[in-house]
């Protein structure tokens, strides 16, 4: 597909960035072919894959634009938007599965029925497509984070969040903020940055809570912890500019709980050297465990006791990783402020 080729102006174009995604693409492709897509056009943007992703997609009949070098999901999405003309743009990840045959039409109908809405979001299923312990934790933990704002509703108007995992936008709102910032190496942070910029010019979102999308989640611990640290570092830099918490995922309450969890772990480490702290440490650890009882109940109900125990362990690791990333951002911002003052 050449640089100057544009897709026909269908009601909605679905843009999917792809990078070495052959482990998950077949399930996505099958789900697309089982869905009603008569009013959609699909464009896969291959971010220099080496596993045959492009060839597979072309064999399945999809249009593929190949980037000349690996540039990340933000650049891939921006290129897809540039190469299309449809007024509605649905951004989807290559590791999702669309279980509802009417998913695409539901997004289009929502925009048609709500002319003031400029984004339509979905959430992921509480159970992952890949059955691994870490994937189970990540899937259900995110679902619970969003579910506390949904409160049993099938749809939520004025939804204060956006999603690029499987979310749609009016073209004009994306063009108004000049698309994604390619400087962010983590997809979830580039999403947050896009959302914050859209908020500044006027965001009116809608959530189709009933439309839950399947998703493959991380299975390896070390890369996940690394991603948590980088994400917290970048998010903290964004927070330093905005000085506002999210209303859904990164709330003030969740941040306080994570901070308490991290501080408690720090005191636990100190107790190894100062044994007189043991009574304080045991009390704090008991408080942490009590605060996590709702989490434990959800994991026991959805999975089993082993997964619940693992969830408590991962929750502590998550708090530590996020704390390291946030502290790193604090040090960086302080150093930069001092450097800027000296230069002036």
C-alpha atoms as a PDB file:
ATOM      1  CA  UNK A   1       0.000   0.000   0.000  1.00  0.00           C
ATOM      2  CA  UNK A   2       1.633   3.268  -1.070  1.00  0.00           C
ATOM      3  CA  UNK A   3       1.974   6.506   0.894  1.00  0.00           C
ATOM      4  CA  UNK A   4      -0.639   8.267  -1.257  1.00  0.00           C
ATOM      5  CA  UNK A   5      -3.275   5.532  -1.196  1.00  0.00           C
ATOM      6  CA  UNK A   6      -6.381   6.234   0.870  1.00  0.00           C
ATOM      7  CA  UNK A   7      -9.078   3.818   1.879  1.00  0.00           C
ATOM      8  CA  UNK A   8     -12.654   4.430   0.757  1.00  0.00           C
ATOM      9  CA  UNK A   9     -14.599   6.642   3.198  1.00  0.00           C
ATOM     10  CA  UNK A  10     -16.543   3.924   5.036  1.00  0.00           C
ATOM     11  CA  UNK A  11     -18.584   4.975   8.044  1.00  0.00           C
ATOM     12  CA  UNK A  12     -15.806   3.747  10.330  1.00  0.00           C
ATOM     13  CA  UNK A  13     -12.235   2.662   9.758  1.00  0.00           C
ATOM     14  CA  UNK A  14     -10.608   0.176  12.134  1.00  0.00           C
ATOM     15  CA  UNK A  15      -6.882   0.798  12.594  1.00  0.00           C
ATOM     16  CA  UNK A  16      -4.767  -1.935  14.188  1.00  0.00           C
ATOM     17  CA  UNK A  17      -1.027  -1.443  14.853  1.00  0.00           C
ATOM     18  CA  UNK A  18       0.863  -4.728  14.527  1.00  0.00           C
ATOM     19  CA  UNK A  19       4.313  -5.798  15.699  1.00  0.00           C
ATOM     20  CA  UNK A  20       5.243  -9.497  15.705  1.00  0.00           C
ATOM     21  CA  UNK A  21       1.695 -10.454  16.663  1.00  0.00           C
ATOM     22  CA  UNK A  22       1.287 -13.900  15.114  1.00  0.00           C
ATOM     23  CA  UNK A  23       0.538 -15.421  18.528  1.00  0.00           C
ATOM     24  CA  UNK A  24      -2.679 -13.397  18.797  1.00  0.00           C
ATOM     25  CA  UNK A  25      -3.625 -12.244  15.273  1.00  0.00           C
ATOM     26  CA  UNK A  26      -5.439 -15.447  14.182  1.00  0.00           C
ATOM     27  CA  UNK A  27      -7.985 -15.142  17.026  1.00  0.00           C
ATOM     28  CA  UNK A  28      -8.550 -11.458  16.227  1.00  0.00           C
ATOM     29  CA  UNK A  29      -8.974 -12.182  12.510  1.00  0.00           C
ATOM     30  CA  UNK A  30     -11.453 -15.006  13.174  1.00  0.00           C
ATOM     31  CA  UNK A  31     -13.482 -12.771  15.481  1.00  0.00           C
ATOM     32  CA  UNK A  32     -13.557  -9.977  12.879  1.00  0.00           C
ATOM     33  CA  UNK A  33     -14.753 -12.369  10.192  1.00  0.00           C
ATOM     34  CA  UNK A  34     -17.521 -13.585  12.511  1.00  0.00           C
ATOM     35  CA  UNK A  35     -18.690 -10.012  13.159  1.00  0.00           C
ATOM     36  CA  UNK A  36     -20.939  -7.691  11.168  1.00  0.00           C
ATOM     37  CA  UNK A  37     -18.449  -5.319   9.535  1.00  0.00           C
ATOM     38  CA  UNK A  38     -20.465  -4.131   6.528  1.00  0.00           C
ATOM     39  CA  UNK A  39     -19.968  -0.445   7.434  1.00  0.00           C
ATOM     40  CA  UNK A  40     -16.292  -0.739   8.352  1.00  0.00           C
ATOM     41  CA  UNK A  41     -12.941  -0.686   6.600  1.00  0.00           C
ATOM     42  CA  UNK A  42      -9.874  -2.299   8.167  1.00  0.00           C
ATOM     43  CA  UNK A  43      -6.268  -1.143   8.011  1.00  0.00           C
ATOM     44  CA  UNK A  44      -3.445  -2.989   9.759  1.00  0.00           C
ATOM     45  CA  UNK A  45      -0.272  -0.919  10.184  1.00  0.00           C
ATOM     46  CA  UNK A  46       2.731  -3.238  10.449  1.00  0.00           C
ATOM     47  CA  UNK A  47       5.459  -1.739  12.624  1.00  0.00           C
ATOM     48  CA  UNK A  48       8.279  -3.645  10.901  1.00  0.00           C
ATOM     49  CA  UNK A  49       7.301  -7.168  12.034  1.00  0.00           C
ATOM     50  CA  UNK A  50       9.652 -10.091  11.394  1.00  0.00           C
ATOM     51  CA  UNK A  51       7.299 -12.994  12.186  1.00  0.00           C
ATOM     52  CA  UNK A  52       5.173 -12.981   9.021  1.00  0.00           C
ATOM     53  CA  UNK A  53       2.323 -10.877  10.450  1.00  0.00           C
ATOM     54  CA  UNK A  54       1.938  -8.808   7.274  1.00  0.00           C
ATOM     55  CA  UNK A  55       1.954 -11.823   4.982  1.00  0.00           C
ATOM     56  CA  UNK A  56      -0.671 -13.570   7.111  1.00  0.00           C
ATOM     57  CA  UNK A  57      -2.978 -10.526   7.122  1.00  0.00           C
ATOM     58  CA  UNK A  58      -2.646 -10.042   3.368  1.00  0.00           C
ATOM     59  CA  UNK A  59      -3.483 -13.706   2.816  1.00  0.00           C
ATOM     60  CA  UNK A  60      -6.601 -13.191   4.942  1.00  0.00           C
ATOM     61  CA  UNK A  61      -7.648 -10.338   2.655  1.00  0.00           C
ATOM     62  CA  UNK A  62      -6.823  -7.324   4.839  1.00  0.00           C
ATOM     63  CA  UNK A  63      -5.108  -4.108   3.769  1.00  0.00           C
ATOM     64  CA  UNK A  64      -1.688  -3.668   5.350  1.00  0.00           C
ATOM     65  CA  UNK A  65       0.542  -0.618   5.452  1.00  0.00           C
ATOM     66  CA  UNK A  66       4.160  -1.435   6.315  1.00  0.00           C
ATOM     67  CA  UNK A  67       6.255   1.106   8.171  1.00  0.00           C
ATOM     68  CA  UNK A  68       9.899   1.335   6.978  1.00  0.00           C
ATOM     69  CA  UNK A  69      11.251   0.996  10.541  1.00  0.00           C
ATOM     70  CA  UNK A  70      10.038   0.070  14.003  1.00  0.00           C
ATOM     71  CA  UNK A  71       8.462   3.260  15.403  1.00  0.00           C
ATOM     72  CA  UNK A  72       6.050   2.151  18.129  1.00  0.00           C
ATOM     73  CA  UNK A  73       2.238   1.996  18.384  1.00  0.00           C
ATOM     74  CA  UNK A  74       1.762   5.787  18.542  1.00  0.00           C
ATOM     75  CA  UNK A  75       3.446   6.314  15.173  1.00  0.00           C
ATOM     76  CA  UNK A  76       1.581   3.336  13.692  1.00  0.00           C
ATOM     77  CA  UNK A  77      -1.775   4.728  14.794  1.00  0.00           C
ATOM     78  CA  UNK A  78      -0.918   8.208  13.519  1.00  0.00           C
ATOM     79  CA  UNK A  79       0.022   6.765  10.123  1.00  0.00           C
ATOM     80  CA  UNK A  80      -3.233   4.809   9.971  1.00  0.00           C
ATOM     81  CA  UNK A  81      -5.247   7.952  10.717  1.00  0.00           C
ATOM     82  CA  UNK A  82      -3.279   9.831   8.039  1.00  0.00           C
ATOM     83  CA  UNK A  83      -3.981   7.179   5.403  1.00  0.00           C
ATOM     84  CA  UNK A  84      -7.737   7.026   5.952  1.00  0.00           C
ATOM     85  CA  UNK A  85     -10.674   9.364   5.415  1.00  0.00           C
ATOM     86  CA  UNK A  86     -13.525   7.890   7.469  1.00  0.00           C
ATOM     87  CA  UNK A  87     -15.216  10.251   9.935  1.00  0.00           C
ATOM     88  CA  UNK A  88     -15.103   7.605  12.685  1.00  0.00           C
ATOM     89  CA  UNK A  89     -11.896   5.860  13.724  1.00  0.00           C
ATOM     90  CA  UNK A  90     -11.818   2.720  15.841  1.00  0.00           C
ATOM     91  CA  UNK A  91      -8.409   1.933  17.310  1.00  0.00           C
ATOM     92  CA  UNK A  92      -7.833  -1.685  18.309  1.00  0.00           C
ATOM     93  CA  UNK A  93      -4.849  -3.674  19.560  1.00  0.00           C
ATOM     94  CA  UNK A  94      -3.601  -6.762  17.763  1.00  0.00           C
ATOM     95  CA  UNK A  95      -4.064  -8.934  20.875  1.00  0.00           C
ATOM     96  CA  UNK A  96      -7.810  -8.410  21.375  1.00  0.00           C
ATOM     97  CA  UNK A  97     -10.707 -10.706  20.496  1.00  0.00           C
ATOM     98  CA  UNK A  98     -14.131  -9.322  19.516  1.00  0.00           C
ATOM     99  CA  UNK A  99     -16.695 -11.723  20.954  1.00  0.00           C
ATOM    100  CA  UNK A 100     -19.811  -9.739  20.061  1.00  0.00           C
ATOM    101  CA  UNK A 101     -20.784  -9.909  16.345  1.00  0.00           C
ATOM    102  CA  UNK A 102     -22.466  -6.488  16.699  1.00  0.00           C
ATOM    103  CA  UNK A 103     -19.496  -4.759  18.350  1.00  0.00           C
ATOM    104  CA  UNK A 104     -18.543  -2.603  15.355  1.00  0.00           C
ATOM    105  CA  UNK A 105     -22.107  -1.623  14.521  1.00  0.00           C
ATOM    106  CA  UNK A 106     -22.759  -0.751  18.168  1.00  0.00           C
ATOM    107  CA  UNK A 107     -19.909   1.771  18.093  1.00  0.00           C
ATOM    108  CA  UNK A 108     -21.248   3.384  14.905  1.00  0.00           C
ATOM    109  CA  UNK A 109     -24.832   3.524  16.188  1.00  0.00           C
ATOM    110  CA  UNK A 110     -23.693   5.182  19.416  1.00  0.00           C
ATOM    111  CA  UNK A 111     -22.045   8.026  17.498  1.00  0.00           C
ATOM    112  CA  UNK A 112     -25.137   8.411  15.308  1.00  0.00           C
ATOM    113  CA  UNK A 113     -27.506   8.521  18.274  1.00  0.00           C
ATOM    114  CA  UNK A 114     -25.259  10.806  20.365  1.00  0.00           C
ATOM    115  CA  UNK A 115     -23.926  13.619  18.153  1.00  0.00           C
ATOM    116  CA  UNK A 116     -22.235  15.332  21.123  1.00  0.00           C
ATOM    117  CA  UNK A 117     -20.139  12.253  21.961  1.00  0.00           C
ATOM    118  CA  UNK A 118     -16.579  12.240  20.594  1.00  0.00           C
ATOM    119  CA  UNK A 119     -15.335   8.911  21.974  1.00  0.00           C
ATOM    120  CA  UNK A 120     -16.919   5.514  22.610  1.00  0.00           C
ATOM    121  CA  UNK A 121     -15.052   3.150  24.918  1.00  0.00           C
ATOM    122  CA  UNK A 122     -15.229  -0.487  25.949  1.00  0.00           C
ATOM    123  CA  UNK A 123     -13.686  -2.529  28.757  1.00  0.00           C
ATOM    124  CA  UNK A 124     -11.893  -5.858  28.732  1.00  0.00           C
ATOM    125  CA  UNK A 125     -13.303  -9.108  30.031  1.00  0.00           C
ATOM    126  CA  UNK A 126     -12.334 -10.037  33.618  1.00  0.00           C
ATOM    127  CA  UNK A 127     -10.879 -13.328  32.366  1.00  0.00           C
ATOM    128  CA  UNK A 128      -7.908 -13.251  29.930  1.00  0.00           C
ATOM    129  CA  UNK A 129      -7.749 -14.978  26.567  1.00  0.00           C
ATOM    130  CA  UNK A 130      -4.476 -16.601  27.675  1.00  0.00           C
ATOM    131  CA  UNK A 131      -4.818 -18.638  30.864  1.00  0.00           C
ATOM    132  CA  UNK A 132      -1.706 -17.754  32.884  1.00  0.00           C
ATOM    133  CA  UNK A 133      -1.496 -16.655  36.522  1.00  0.00           C
ATOM    134  CA  UNK A 134      -0.080 -13.211  35.724  1.00  0.00           C
ATOM    135  CA  UNK A 135      -2.615 -12.750  32.933  1.00  0.00           C
ATOM    136  CA  UNK A 136      -5.443 -13.674  35.316  1.00  0.00           C
ATOM    137  CA  UNK A 137      -4.274 -11.079  37.825  1.00  0.00           C
ATOM    138  CA  UNK A 138      -3.863  -8.281  35.280  1.00  0.00           C
ATOM    139  CA  UNK A 139      -7.202  -8.925  33.588  1.00  0.00           C
ATOM    140  CA  UNK A 140      -9.322  -9.058  36.739  1.00  0.00           C
ATOM    141  CA  UNK A 141      -7.435  -6.242  38.469  1.00  0.00           C
ATOM    142  CA  UNK A 142      -8.089  -3.860  35.565  1.00  0.00           C
ATOM    143  CA  UNK A 143     -11.699  -4.987  35.288  1.00  0.00           C
ATOM    144  CA  UNK A 144     -12.262  -4.236  38.979  1.00  0.00           C
ATOM    145  CA  UNK A 145     -10.665  -0.792  38.594  1.00  0.00           C
ATOM    146  CA  UNK A 146     -13.159   0.138  35.908  1.00  0.00           C
ATOM    147  CA  UNK A 147     -16.094  -1.732  37.392  1.00  0.00           C
ATOM    148  CA  UNK A 148     -16.153   0.402  40.533  1.00  0.00           C
ATOM    149  CA  UNK A 149     -17.046   3.373  38.289  1.00  0.00           C
ATOM    150  CA  UNK A 150     -19.574   1.405  36.205  1.00  0.00           C
ATOM    151  CA  UNK A 151     -21.580   0.194  39.232  1.00  0.00           C
ATOM    152  CA  UNK A 152     -23.643  -2.356  37.346  1.00  0.00           C
ATOM    153  CA  UNK A 153     -24.680  -0.122  34.440  1.00  0.00           C
ATOM    154  CA  UNK A 154     -24.736  -1.488  30.889  1.00  0.00           C
ATOM    155  CA  UNK A 155     -23.802   1.939  29.499  1.00  0.00           C
ATOM    156  CA  UNK A 156     -22.248   5.020  31.093  1.00  0.00           C
ATOM    157  CA  UNK A 157     -22.691   8.476  29.620  1.00  0.00           C
ATOM    158  CA  UNK A 158     -20.055  11.178  30.220  1.00  0.00           C
ATOM    159  CA  UNK A 159     -17.469   8.408  30.656  1.00  0.00           C
ATOM    160  CA  UNK A 160     -14.258  10.143  31.838  1.00  0.00           C
ATOM    161  CA  UNK A 161     -11.754   7.922  30.034  1.00  0.00           C
ATOM    162  CA  UNK A 162     -10.744   6.691  26.585  1.00  0.00           C
ATOM    163  CA  UNK A 163      -9.441   3.385  25.255  1.00  0.00           C
ATOM    164  CA  UNK A 164      -7.220   2.500  22.334  1.00  0.00           C
ATOM    165  CA  UNK A 165      -7.393  -1.215  23.088  1.00  0.00           C
ATOM    166  CA  UNK A 166     -10.819  -1.161  21.452  1.00  0.00           C
ATOM    167  CA  UNK A 167     -12.203   2.365  21.356  1.00  0.00           C
ATOM    168  CA  UNK A 168     -13.624   4.697  18.703  1.00  0.00           C
ATOM    169  CA  UNK A 169     -13.284   8.442  18.099  1.00  0.00           C
ATOM    170  CA  UNK A 170     -14.537  11.126  15.814  1.00  0.00           C
ATOM    171  CA  UNK A 171     -11.766  12.035  13.424  1.00  0.00           C
ATOM    172  CA  UNK A 172     -11.972  15.743  14.238  1.00  0.00           C
ATOM    173  CA  UNK A 173     -11.142  15.227  17.940  1.00  0.00           C
ATOM    174  CA  UNK A 174      -7.995  13.249  17.089  1.00  0.00           C
ATOM    175  CA  UNK A 175      -6.939  15.791  14.493  1.00  0.00           C
ATOM    176  CA  UNK A 176      -7.613  18.658  16.914  1.00  0.00           C
ATOM    177  CA  UNK A 177      -4.916  17.336  19.294  1.00  0.00           C
ATOM    178  CA  UNK A 178      -2.565  16.230  16.469  1.00  0.00           C
ATOM    179  CA  UNK A 179      -2.952  12.528  17.261  1.00  0.00           C
ATOM    180  CA  UNK A 180      -0.644  10.529  19.498  1.00  0.00           C
ATOM    181  CA  UNK A 181       2.639  11.777  20.964  1.00  0.00           C
ATOM    182  CA  UNK A 182       5.294   9.412  19.571  1.00  0.00           C
ATOM    183  CA  UNK A 183       7.726  10.224  22.396  1.00  0.00           C
ATOM    184  CA  UNK A 184       5.945   7.823  24.760  1.00  0.00           C
ATOM    185  CA  UNK A 185       7.300   4.235  24.561  1.00  0.00           C
ATOM    186  CA  UNK A 186       4.480   2.679  26.613  1.00  0.00           C
ATOM    187  CA  UNK A 187       1.085   2.321  24.928  1.00  0.00           C
ATOM    188  CA  UNK A 188      -0.969   2.954  28.077  1.00  0.00           C
ATOM    189  CA  UNK A 189       0.913   6.205  28.746  1.00  0.00           C
ATOM    190  CA  UNK A 190       0.450   7.484  25.196  1.00  0.00           C
ATOM    191  CA  UNK A 191      -3.260   6.750  25.727  1.00  0.00           C
ATOM    192  CA  UNK A 192      -3.266   8.779  28.948  1.00  0.00           C
ATOM    193  CA  UNK A 193      -1.456  11.679  27.284  1.00  0.00           C
ATOM    194  CA  UNK A 194      -3.943  11.664  24.397  1.00  0.00           C
ATOM    195  CA  UNK A 195      -6.848  11.622  26.845  1.00  0.00           C
ATOM    196  CA  UNK A 196      -5.476  14.528  28.888  1.00  0.00           C
ATOM    197  CA  UNK A 197      -5.039  16.629  25.736  1.00  0.00           C
ATOM    198  CA  UNK A 198      -8.564  15.774  24.549  1.00  0.00           C
ATOM    199  CA  UNK A 199      -9.904  16.697  27.983  1.00  0.00           C
ATOM    200  CA  UNK A 200      -8.378  20.157  27.656  1.00  0.00           C
ATOM    201  CA  UNK A 201     -10.367  20.929  24.498  1.00  0.00           C
ATOM    202  CA  UNK A 202     -13.588  19.264  25.604  1.00  0.00           C
ATOM    203  CA  UNK A 203     -14.132  15.527  26.015  1.00  0.00           C
ATOM    204  CA  UNK A 204     -17.549  13.871  25.969  1.00  0.00           C
ATOM    205  CA  UNK A 205     -17.163  10.111  26.186  1.00  0.00           C
ATOM    206  CA  UNK A 206     -19.587   7.198  26.311  1.00  0.00           C
ATOM    207  CA  UNK A 207     -18.903   3.699  27.627  1.00  0.00           C
ATOM    208  CA  UNK A 208     -20.569   0.574  26.278  1.00  0.00           C
ATOM    209  CA  UNK A 209     -20.052  -1.428  29.473  1.00  0.00           C
ATOM    210  CA  UNK A 210     -21.923  -4.433  28.050  1.00  0.00           C
ATOM    211  CA  UNK A 211     -19.420  -4.654  25.185  1.00  0.00           C
ATOM    212  CA  UNK A 212     -16.535  -6.469  26.856  1.00  0.00           C
ATOM    213  CA  UNK A 213     -13.550  -7.316  24.688  1.00  0.00           C
ATOM    214  CA  UNK A 214     -11.280 -10.337  25.045  1.00  0.00           C
ATOM    215  CA  UNK A 215      -7.621  -9.542  25.604  1.00  0.00           C
ATOM    216  CA  UNK A 216      -4.300 -11.378  25.845  1.00  0.00           C
ATOM    217  CA  UNK A 217      -2.396 -10.136  28.892  1.00  0.00           C
ATOM    218  CA  UNK A 218       1.324 -10.358  29.827  1.00  0.00           C
ATOM    219  CA  UNK A 219       2.543 -13.749  30.992  1.00  0.00           C
ATOM    220  CA  UNK A 220       6.126 -12.969  32.107  1.00  0.00           C
ATOM    221  CA  UNK A 221       6.815 -11.239  35.412  1.00  0.00           C
ATOM    222  CA  UNK A 222      10.079  -9.361  34.767  1.00  0.00           C
ATOM    223  CA  UNK A 223       8.911  -7.519  31.596  1.00  0.00           C
ATOM    224  CA  UNK A 224       5.650  -6.679  33.392  1.00  0.00           C
ATOM    225  CA  UNK A 225       7.475  -5.153  36.382  1.00  0.00           C
ATOM    226  CA  UNK A 226       9.701  -3.179  34.012  1.00  0.00           C
ATOM    227  CA  UNK A 227       6.595  -1.882  32.208  1.00  0.00           C
ATOM    228  CA  UNK A 228       5.024  -0.882  35.550  1.00  0.00           C
ATOM    229  CA  UNK A 229       8.109   1.139  36.530  1.00  0.00           C
ATOM    230  CA  UNK A 230       8.360   2.927  33.174  1.00  0.00           C
ATOM    231  CA  UNK A 231       4.617   3.576  33.145  1.00  0.00           C
ATOM    232  CA  UNK A 232       4.679   5.091  36.649  1.00  0.00           C
ATOM    233  CA  UNK A 233       7.674   7.257  35.708  1.00  0.00           C
ATOM    234  CA  UNK A 234       5.949   8.641  32.619  1.00  0.00           C
ATOM    235  CA  UNK A 235       2.543   8.982  34.286  1.00  0.00           C
ATOM    236  CA  UNK A 236       4.125  10.891  37.176  1.00  0.00           C
ATOM    237  CA  UNK A 237       5.670  13.333  34.716  1.00  0.00           C
ATOM    238  CA  UNK A 238       2.231  13.867  33.183  1.00  0.00           C
ATOM    239  CA  UNK A 239       0.743  14.313  36.654  1.00  0.00           C
ATOM    240  CA  UNK A 240       3.362  16.941  37.507  1.00  0.00           C
ATOM    241  CA  UNK A 241       2.070  19.002  34.582  1.00  0.00           C
ATOM    242  CA  UNK A 242      -1.656  18.501  35.264  1.00  0.00           C
ATOM    243  CA  UNK A 243      -1.669  18.113  39.062  1.00  0.00           C
ATOM    244  CA  UNK A 244      -4.877  16.095  38.738  1.00  0.00           C
ATOM    245  CA  UNK A 245      -5.771  12.460  39.321  1.00  0.00           C
ATOM    246  CA  UNK A 246      -7.789  10.340  36.901  1.00  0.00           C
ATOM    247  CA  UNK A 247     -11.422   9.658  37.709  1.00  0.00           C
ATOM    248  CA  UNK A 248     -11.216   6.003  36.688  1.00  0.00           C
ATOM    249  CA  UNK A 249      -7.875   4.232  36.683  1.00  0.00           C
ATOM    250  CA  UNK A 250      -5.423   6.411  38.647  1.00  0.00           C
ATOM    251  CA  UNK A 251      -7.667   7.883  41.340  1.00  0.00           C
ATOM    252  CA  UNK A 252      -6.485   9.655  44.500  1.00  0.00           C
ATOM    253  CA  UNK A 253      -7.806   6.761  46.587  1.00  0.00           C
ATOM    254  CA  UNK A 254      -5.982   4.088  44.580  1.00  0.00           C
ATOM    255  CA  UNK A 255      -2.786   6.140  44.673  1.00  0.00           C
ATOM    256  CA  UNK A 256      -3.028   6.453  48.468  1.00  0.00           C
ATOM    257  CA  UNK A 257      -3.516   2.671  48.844  1.00  0.00           C
ATOM    258  CA  UNK A 258      -0.518   1.951  46.602  1.00  0.00           C
ATOM    259  CA  UNK A 259       1.604   4.456  48.552  1.00  0.00           C
ATOM    260  CA  UNK A 260       0.585   2.863  51.873  1.00  0.00           C
ATOM    261  CA  UNK A 261       1.405  -0.594  50.509  1.00  0.00           C
ATOM    262  CA  UNK A 262       4.851   0.565  49.350  1.00  0.00           C
ATOM    263  CA  UNK A 263       5.662   2.373  52.625  1.00  0.00           C
ATOM    264  CA  UNK A 264       4.607  -0.691  54.611  1.00  0.00           C
ATOM    265  CA  UNK A 265       6.977  -2.827  52.571  1.00  0.00           C
ATOM    266  CA  UNK A 266       9.768  -0.302  53.213  1.00  0.00           C
ATOM    267  CA  UNK A 267       9.176  -0.557  56.958  1.00  0.00           C
ATOM    268  CA  UNK A 268       9.219  -4.360  56.636  1.00  0.00           C
ATOM    269  CA  UNK A 269      12.701  -4.136  55.124  1.00  0.00           C
ATOM    270  CA  UNK A 270      13.855  -1.816  57.913  1.00  0.00           C
ATOM    271  CA  UNK A 271      12.597  -4.343  60.468  1.00  0.00           C
ATOM    272  CA  UNK A 272      15.251  -6.799  59.259  1.00  0.00           C
ATOM    273  CA  UNK A 273      17.849  -4.408  60.716  1.00  0.00           C
ATOM    274  CA  UNK A 274      15.838  -2.803  63.544  1.00  0.00           C
ATOM    275  CA  UNK A 275      14.023  -5.652  65.271  1.00  0.00           C
ATOM    276  CA  UNK A 276      12.188  -3.334  67.654  1.00  0.00           C
ATOM    277  CA  UNK A 277       9.979  -2.330  64.687  1.00  0.00           C
ATOM    278  CA  UNK A 278       8.351  -5.768  64.473  1.00  0.00           C
ATOM    279  CA  UNK A 279       5.155  -4.816  66.393  1.00  0.00           C
ATOM    280  CA  UNK A 280       4.634  -1.809  64.114  1.00  0.00           C
ATOM    281  CA  UNK A 281       5.397  -3.873  60.998  1.00  0.00           C
ATOM    282  CA  UNK A 282       2.986  -6.666  61.918  1.00  0.00           C
ATOM    283  CA  UNK A 283       0.232  -4.137  62.612  1.00  0.00           C
ATOM    284  CA  UNK A 284       0.784  -2.388  59.274  1.00  0.00           C
ATOM    285  CA  UNK A 285       0.953  -5.679  57.346  1.00  0.00           C
ATOM    286  CA  UNK A 286      -2.316  -6.754  58.961  1.00  0.00           C
ATOM    287  CA  UNK A 287      -3.885  -3.455  57.873  1.00  0.00           C
ATOM    288  CA  UNK A 288      -2.659  -4.002  54.297  1.00  0.00           C
ATOM    289  CA  UNK A 289      -4.129  -7.502  54.282  1.00  0.00           C
ATOM    290  CA  UNK A 290      -7.462  -6.216  55.586  1.00  0.00           C
ATOM    291  CA  UNK A 291      -7.548  -3.566  52.859  1.00  0.00           C
ATOM    292  CA  UNK A 292      -6.981  -6.301  50.278  1.00  0.00           C
ATOM    293  CA  UNK A 293      -9.797  -8.569  51.479  1.00  0.00           C
ATOM    294  CA  UNK A 294     -12.184  -7.326  48.729  1.00  0.00           C
ATOM    295  CA  UNK A 295      -9.481  -8.095  46.143  1.00  0.00           C
ATOM    296  CA  UNK A 296      -8.968 -11.574  47.618  1.00  0.00           C
ATOM    297  CA  UNK A 297     -12.725 -12.282  47.562  1.00  0.00           C
ATOM    298  CA  UNK A 298     -13.004 -11.292  43.898  1.00  0.00           C
ATOM    299  CA  UNK A 299     -10.109 -13.546  42.887  1.00  0.00           C
ATOM    300  CA  UNK A 300     -11.390 -16.517  44.897  1.00  0.00           C
ATOM    301  CA  UNK A 301     -14.841 -16.085  43.362  1.00  0.00           C
ATOM    302  CA  UNK A 302     -13.581 -15.701  39.796  1.00  0.00           C
ATOM    303  CA  UNK A 303     -10.665 -18.130  39.923  1.00  0.00           C
ATOM    304  CA  UNK A 304      -9.396 -20.010  43.004  1.00  0.00           C
ATOM    305  CA  UNK A 305      -7.450 -19.607  46.258  1.00  0.00           C
ATOM    306  CA  UNK A 306      -4.065 -20.035  44.559  1.00  0.00           C
ATOM    307  CA  UNK A 307      -4.785 -17.186  42.155  1.00  0.00           C
ATOM    308  CA  UNK A 308      -5.990 -15.044  45.091  1.00  0.00           C
ATOM    309  CA  UNK A 309      -2.731 -15.611  46.988  1.00  0.00           C
ATOM    310  CA  UNK A 310      -0.767 -14.801  43.848  1.00  0.00           C
ATOM    311  CA  UNK A 311      -2.877 -11.674  43.367  1.00  0.00           C
ATOM    312  CA  UNK A 312      -1.862 -10.395  46.827  1.00  0.00           C
ATOM    313  CA  UNK A 313       1.794 -11.027  45.968  1.00  0.00           C
ATOM    314  CA  UNK A 314       1.495  -9.272  42.587  1.00  0.00           C
ATOM    315  CA  UNK A 315      -0.421  -6.408  44.143  1.00  0.00           C
ATOM    316  CA  UNK A 316       2.539  -5.768  46.476  1.00  0.00           C
ATOM    317  CA  UNK A 317       4.992  -5.990  43.558  1.00  0.00           C
ATOM    318  CA  UNK A 318       2.822  -3.573  41.601  1.00  0.00           C
ATOM    319  CA  UNK A 319       2.879  -1.062  44.465  1.00  0.00           C
ATOM    320  CA  UNK A 320       6.664  -1.313  44.755  1.00  0.00           C
ATOM    321  CA  UNK A 321       7.206  -0.950  40.996  1.00  0.00           C
ATOM    322  CA  UNK A 322       4.857   2.023  40.753  1.00  0.00           C
ATOM    323  CA  UNK A 323       6.565   3.596  43.751  1.00  0.00           C
ATOM    324  CA  UNK A 324      10.005   3.201  42.182  1.00  0.00           C
ATOM    325  CA  UNK A 325       8.774   4.757  38.953  1.00  0.00           C
ATOM    326  CA  UNK A 326       7.053   7.651  40.753  1.00  0.00           C
ATOM    327  CA  UNK A 327      10.092   8.352  42.938  1.00  0.00           C
ATOM    328  CA  UNK A 328      12.271   8.265  39.831  1.00  0.00           C
ATOM    329  CA  UNK A 329      10.023  10.859  38.203  1.00  0.00           C
ATOM    330  CA  UNK A 330      10.153  13.018  41.367  1.00  0.00           C
ATOM    331  CA  UNK A 331      13.961  12.943  41.364  1.00  0.00           C
ATOM    332  CA  UNK A 332      14.068  13.662  37.634  1.00  0.00           C
ATOM    333  CA  UNK A 333      11.626  16.581  37.884  1.00  0.00           C
ATOM    334  CA  UNK A 334      13.536  18.050  40.841  1.00  0.00           C
ATOM    335  CA  UNK A 335      16.856  17.744  39.017  1.00  0.00           C
ATOM    336  CA  UNK A 336      15.373  19.300  35.882  1.00  0.00           C
ATOM    337  CA  UNK A 337      13.901  22.201  37.877  1.00  0.00           C
ATOM    338  CA  UNK A 338      17.290  22.918  39.460  1.00  0.00           C
ATOM    339  CA  UNK A 339      19.032  22.655  36.069  1.00  0.00           C
ATOM    340  CA  UNK A 340      16.529  25.019  34.450  1.00  0.00           C
ATOM    341  CA  UNK A 341      16.992  27.589  37.230  1.00  0.00           C
ATOM    342  CA  UNK A 342      20.769  27.465  36.833  1.00  0.00           C
ATOM    343  CA  UNK A 343      20.520  27.963  33.080  1.00  0.00           C
ATOM    344  CA  UNK A 344      18.364  31.055  33.604  1.00  0.00           C
END
